[in-house]
Amino acid sequence: MATPNYSYEKRQRELAKKRKAEEKRQRKLSGKPDDGSAPDEPQTDGEAASAPADPATPQT
């Protein structure tokens, strides 16, 4: 009976995790939510820092 290759299995899990993280990063960069969840997530590209001081002005 062959013994399981745990190193190979672990490496495959790590690669899958990296692939998933890269896909998530690409979705965030494209700016298009895939399922429309959490539309009010904090923005990391500096848009929130440049918000106008007047709250009556709508942001687009």
N, C-alpha and C. Protein backbone atom coordinates (compact mmCIF):
# COMPACT_ATOMS: atom_id res chain seq x y z
N MET A 1 0.84 -1.18 0.00
CA MET A 1 0.00 0.00 0.00
C MET A 1 0.89 1.25 0.00
N ALA A 2 0.53 2.22 -0.81
CA ALA A 2 1.31 3.45 -0.92
C ALA A 2 0.98 4.38 0.25
N THR A 3 1.99 5.09 0.71
CA THR A 3 1.77 6.05 1.79
C THR A 3 1.34 7.40 1.21
N PRO A 4 0.50 8.11 1.92
CA PRO A 4 0.05 9.41 1.41
C PRO A 4 1.19 10.43 1.41
N ASN A 5 1.19 11.26 0.40
CA ASN A 5 2.21 12.28 0.27
C ASN A 5 1.64 13.58 0.84
N TYR A 6 1.85 13.80 2.13
CA TYR A 6 1.27 14.95 2.80
C TYR A 6 1.87 16.26 2.31
N SER A 7 3.13 16.24 1.93
CA SER A 7 3.76 17.46 1.43
C SER A 7 3.10 17.92 0.14
N TYR A 8 2.78 16.99 -0.73
CA TYR A 8 2.12 17.33 -1.99
C TYR A 8 0.73 17.90 -1.72
N GLU A 9 -0.01 17.25 -0.83
CA GLU A 9 -1.35 17.72 -0.50
C GLU A 9 -1.32 19.12 0.10
N LYS A 10 -0.35 19.36 0.99
CA LYS A 10 -0.24 20.67 1.61
C LYS A 10 0.10 21.73 0.57
N ARG A 11 1.01 21.40 -0.33
CA ARG A 11 1.39 22.34 -1.39
C ARG A 11 0.19 22.67 -2.29
N GLN A 12 -0.62 21.67 -2.59
CA GLN A 12 -1.81 21.91 -3.42
C GLN A 12 -2.80 22.83 -2.71
N ARG A 13 -2.96 22.63 -1.40
CA ARG A 13 -3.86 23.51 -0.64
C ARG A 13 -3.33 24.94 -0.64
N GLU A 14 -2.01 25.09 -0.47
CA GLU A 14 -1.41 26.43 -0.47
C GLU A 14 -1.59 27.10 -1.82
N LEU A 15 -1.40 26.35 -2.90
CA LEU A 15 -1.57 26.92 -4.24
C LEU A 15 -3.02 27.33 -4.48
N ALA A 16 -3.96 26.52 -4.02
CA ALA A 16 -5.37 26.84 -4.18
C ALA A 16 -5.71 28.11 -3.39
N LYS A 17 -5.14 28.24 -2.20
CA LYS A 17 -5.39 29.41 -1.38
C LYS A 17 -4.83 30.67 -2.06
N LYS A 18 -3.63 30.55 -2.64
CA LYS A 18 -3.04 31.69 -3.35
C LYS A 18 -3.87 32.07 -4.57
N ARG A 19 -4.34 31.05 -5.29
CA ARG A 19 -5.16 31.29 -6.47
C ARG A 19 -6.45 32.03 -6.09
N LYS A 20 -7.07 31.58 -5.01
CA LYS A 20 -8.31 32.20 -4.56
C LYS A 20 -8.07 33.64 -4.12
N ALA A 21 -6.96 33.88 -3.40
CA ALA A 21 -6.64 35.24 -2.96
C ALA A 21 -6.38 36.15 -4.15
N GLU A 22 -5.71 35.64 -5.17
CA GLU A 22 -5.43 36.44 -6.37
C GLU A 22 -6.72 36.77 -7.11
N GLU A 23 -7.64 35.82 -7.20
CA GLU A 23 -8.93 36.08 -7.85
C GLU A 23 -9.71 37.14 -7.07
N LYS A 24 -9.67 37.07 -5.76
CA LYS A 24 -10.35 38.05 -4.93
C LYS A 24 -9.74 39.44 -5.13
N ARG A 25 -8.42 39.49 -5.20
CA ARG A 25 -7.74 40.77 -5.42
C ARG A 25 -8.11 41.36 -6.77
N GLN A 26 -8.21 40.51 -7.79
CA GLN A 26 -8.58 40.98 -9.11
C GLN A 26 -10.01 41.52 -9.12
N ARG A 27 -10.92 40.85 -8.40
CA ARG A 27 -12.30 41.33 -8.31
C ARG A 27 -12.35 42.68 -7.63
N LYS A 28 -11.56 42.85 -6.57
CA LYS A 28 -11.54 44.13 -5.87
C LYS A 28 -11.01 45.23 -6.77
N LEU A 29 -9.96 44.93 -7.54
CA LEU A 29 -9.37 45.94 -8.41
C LEU A 29 -10.31 46.32 -9.54
N SER A 30 -11.10 45.38 -10.01
CA SER A 30 -12.01 45.69 -11.11
C SER A 30 -13.15 46.58 -10.65
N GLY A 31 -13.45 46.57 -9.34
CA GLY A 31 -14.48 47.44 -8.80
C GLY A 31 -15.88 46.94 -9.04
N LYS A 32 -16.03 45.73 -9.47
CA LYS A 32 -17.35 45.17 -9.75
C LYS A 32 -17.62 44.05 -8.76
N PRO A 33 -18.51 44.26 -7.80
CA PRO A 33 -18.81 43.18 -6.86
C PRO A 33 -19.49 42.02 -7.58
N ASP A 34 -19.03 40.81 -7.29
CA ASP A 34 -19.59 39.65 -7.98
C ASP A 34 -20.98 39.29 -7.51
N ASP A 35 -21.28 39.52 -6.22
CA ASP A 35 -22.60 39.16 -5.72
C ASP A 35 -23.32 40.33 -5.06
N GLY A 36 -22.74 41.51 -5.07
CA GLY A 36 -23.39 42.69 -4.53
C GLY A 36 -23.40 42.74 -3.02
N SER A 37 -22.62 41.94 -2.35
CA SER A 37 -22.62 41.95 -0.90
C SER A 37 -21.69 43.04 -0.38
N ALA A 38 -22.07 43.62 0.75
CA ALA A 38 -21.29 44.63 1.46
C ALA A 38 -20.89 45.80 0.56
N PRO A 39 -21.86 46.60 0.10
CA PRO A 39 -21.51 47.73 -0.75
C PRO A 39 -20.80 48.85 -0.01
N ASP A 40 -20.88 48.87 1.33
CA ASP A 40 -20.24 49.94 2.08
C ASP A 40 -18.97 49.47 2.76
N GLU A 41 -18.14 48.70 2.06
CA GLU A 41 -16.86 48.29 2.58
C GLU A 41 -15.91 49.48 2.55
N PRO A 42 -14.98 49.54 3.49
CA PRO A 42 -14.02 50.65 3.47
C PRO A 42 -13.16 50.60 2.21
N GLN A 43 -12.91 51.75 1.65
CA GLN A 43 -12.13 51.81 0.42
C GLN A 43 -10.67 52.01 0.78
N THR A 44 -9.79 51.25 0.15
CA THR A 44 -8.38 51.31 0.48
C THR A 44 -7.57 52.11 -0.52
N ASP A 45 -8.18 52.66 -1.54
CA ASP A 45 -7.42 53.36 -2.57
C ASP A 45 -7.39 54.86 -2.33
N GLY A 46 -7.79 55.35 -1.16
CA GLY A 46 -7.67 56.75 -0.82
C GLY A 46 -8.88 57.59 -1.17
N GLU A 47 -9.94 57.01 -1.70
CA GLU A 47 -11.12 57.80 -2.04
C GLU A 47 -11.80 58.32 -0.78
N ALA A 48 -11.81 57.55 0.29
CA ALA A 48 -12.47 57.96 1.52
C ALA A 48 -11.74 59.15 2.15
N ALA A 49 -10.44 59.25 1.97
CA ALA A 49 -9.66 60.33 2.55
C ALA A 49 -9.94 61.65 1.85
N SER A 50 -10.38 61.62 0.59
CA SER A 50 -10.62 62.85 -0.15
C SER A 50 -12.09 63.23 -0.17
N ALA A 51 -12.86 62.79 0.83
CA ALA A 51 -14.29 63.10 0.89
C ALA A 51 -14.46 64.58 1.21
N PRO A 52 -15.46 65.23 0.62
CA PRO A 52 -15.68 66.65 0.89
C PRO A 52 -16.16 66.86 2.33
N ALA A 53 -15.89 68.05 2.88
CA ALA A 53 -16.26 68.36 4.25
C ALA A 53 -17.76 68.64 4.36
N ASP A 54 -18.40 69.04 3.28
CA ASP A 54 -19.83 69.34 3.28
C ASP A 54 -20.64 68.07 3.09
N PRO A 55 -21.37 67.59 4.11
CA PRO A 55 -22.11 66.33 3.97
C PRO A 55 -23.32 66.46 3.06
N ALA A 56 -23.75 67.68 2.72
CA ALA A 56 -24.89 67.87 1.85
C ALA A 56 -24.54 67.56 0.39
N THR A 57 -23.26 67.55 0.07
CA THR A 57 -22.82 67.26 -1.30
C THR A 57 -22.83 65.74 -1.50
N PRO A 58 -23.62 65.23 -2.42
CA PRO A 58 -23.65 63.78 -2.63
C PRO A 58 -22.39 63.29 -3.33
N GLN A 59 -21.91 62.14 -2.89
CA GLN A 59 -20.75 61.53 -3.53
C GLN A 59 -21.22 60.53 -4.56
N THR A 60 -20.50 60.44 -5.66
CA THR A 60 -20.85 59.46 -6.70
C THR A 60 -19.77 58.47 -6.87
